[in-house]
Amino acid sequence: MEIDHITGMIIDEAMNIHKSLGPGLLESVYETVLTKKLRCVGLDVCRQKMVPINFEGLHFEEAFRCDLIVEDRVVVELKSVETLHPVHKKQLMTYLRLMNLHVGLLINFGAPMLKDGLTRIVTGYEPSDSSLLRINSLATAQRK
């Protein structure tokens, strides 16, 4: 399954959850519901995965915990806050770097409109020309 298809499925489920439950619940509620919904549509989801770190020759197995890893390819960091801050994006970028993954979603269920609380971070990944994501299609068209 293409990574763009996976992220599209995650976003669709997150939008449906936000539409049904609304903003303002605890992050753990959204995490539980999103995990269940993604599994129902056939995606493999790992919750609260430990992210190890090596520092000056020392290994720390439980340095961080990532909210969701979908299909062992997409990191999903969930928030339920009024406003995202730059540190939230940096947190996701750190997870991507430490796990050697290329695509992450930062989803803020606290936003009144979920589309305003969605951020897709891509590092070192080139989307396919057949990508269903409009932003990828526009970027491809601009390069040609």
Foldseek 3Di string as FASTA:
>chain_A
DFPLVVVVVLVVLLQVCCVVVNADDAQVVSLVSSCVVCVVVPKDKDAQQAQWDDDPNDIDRRPGTFGIDINVAEGEHEARDADDDPVQVVVRVVSCVSSVHFKYWYFHSNYRRRVVRIDIGGDPDQHDCPRPDPVNVVVVVVVD
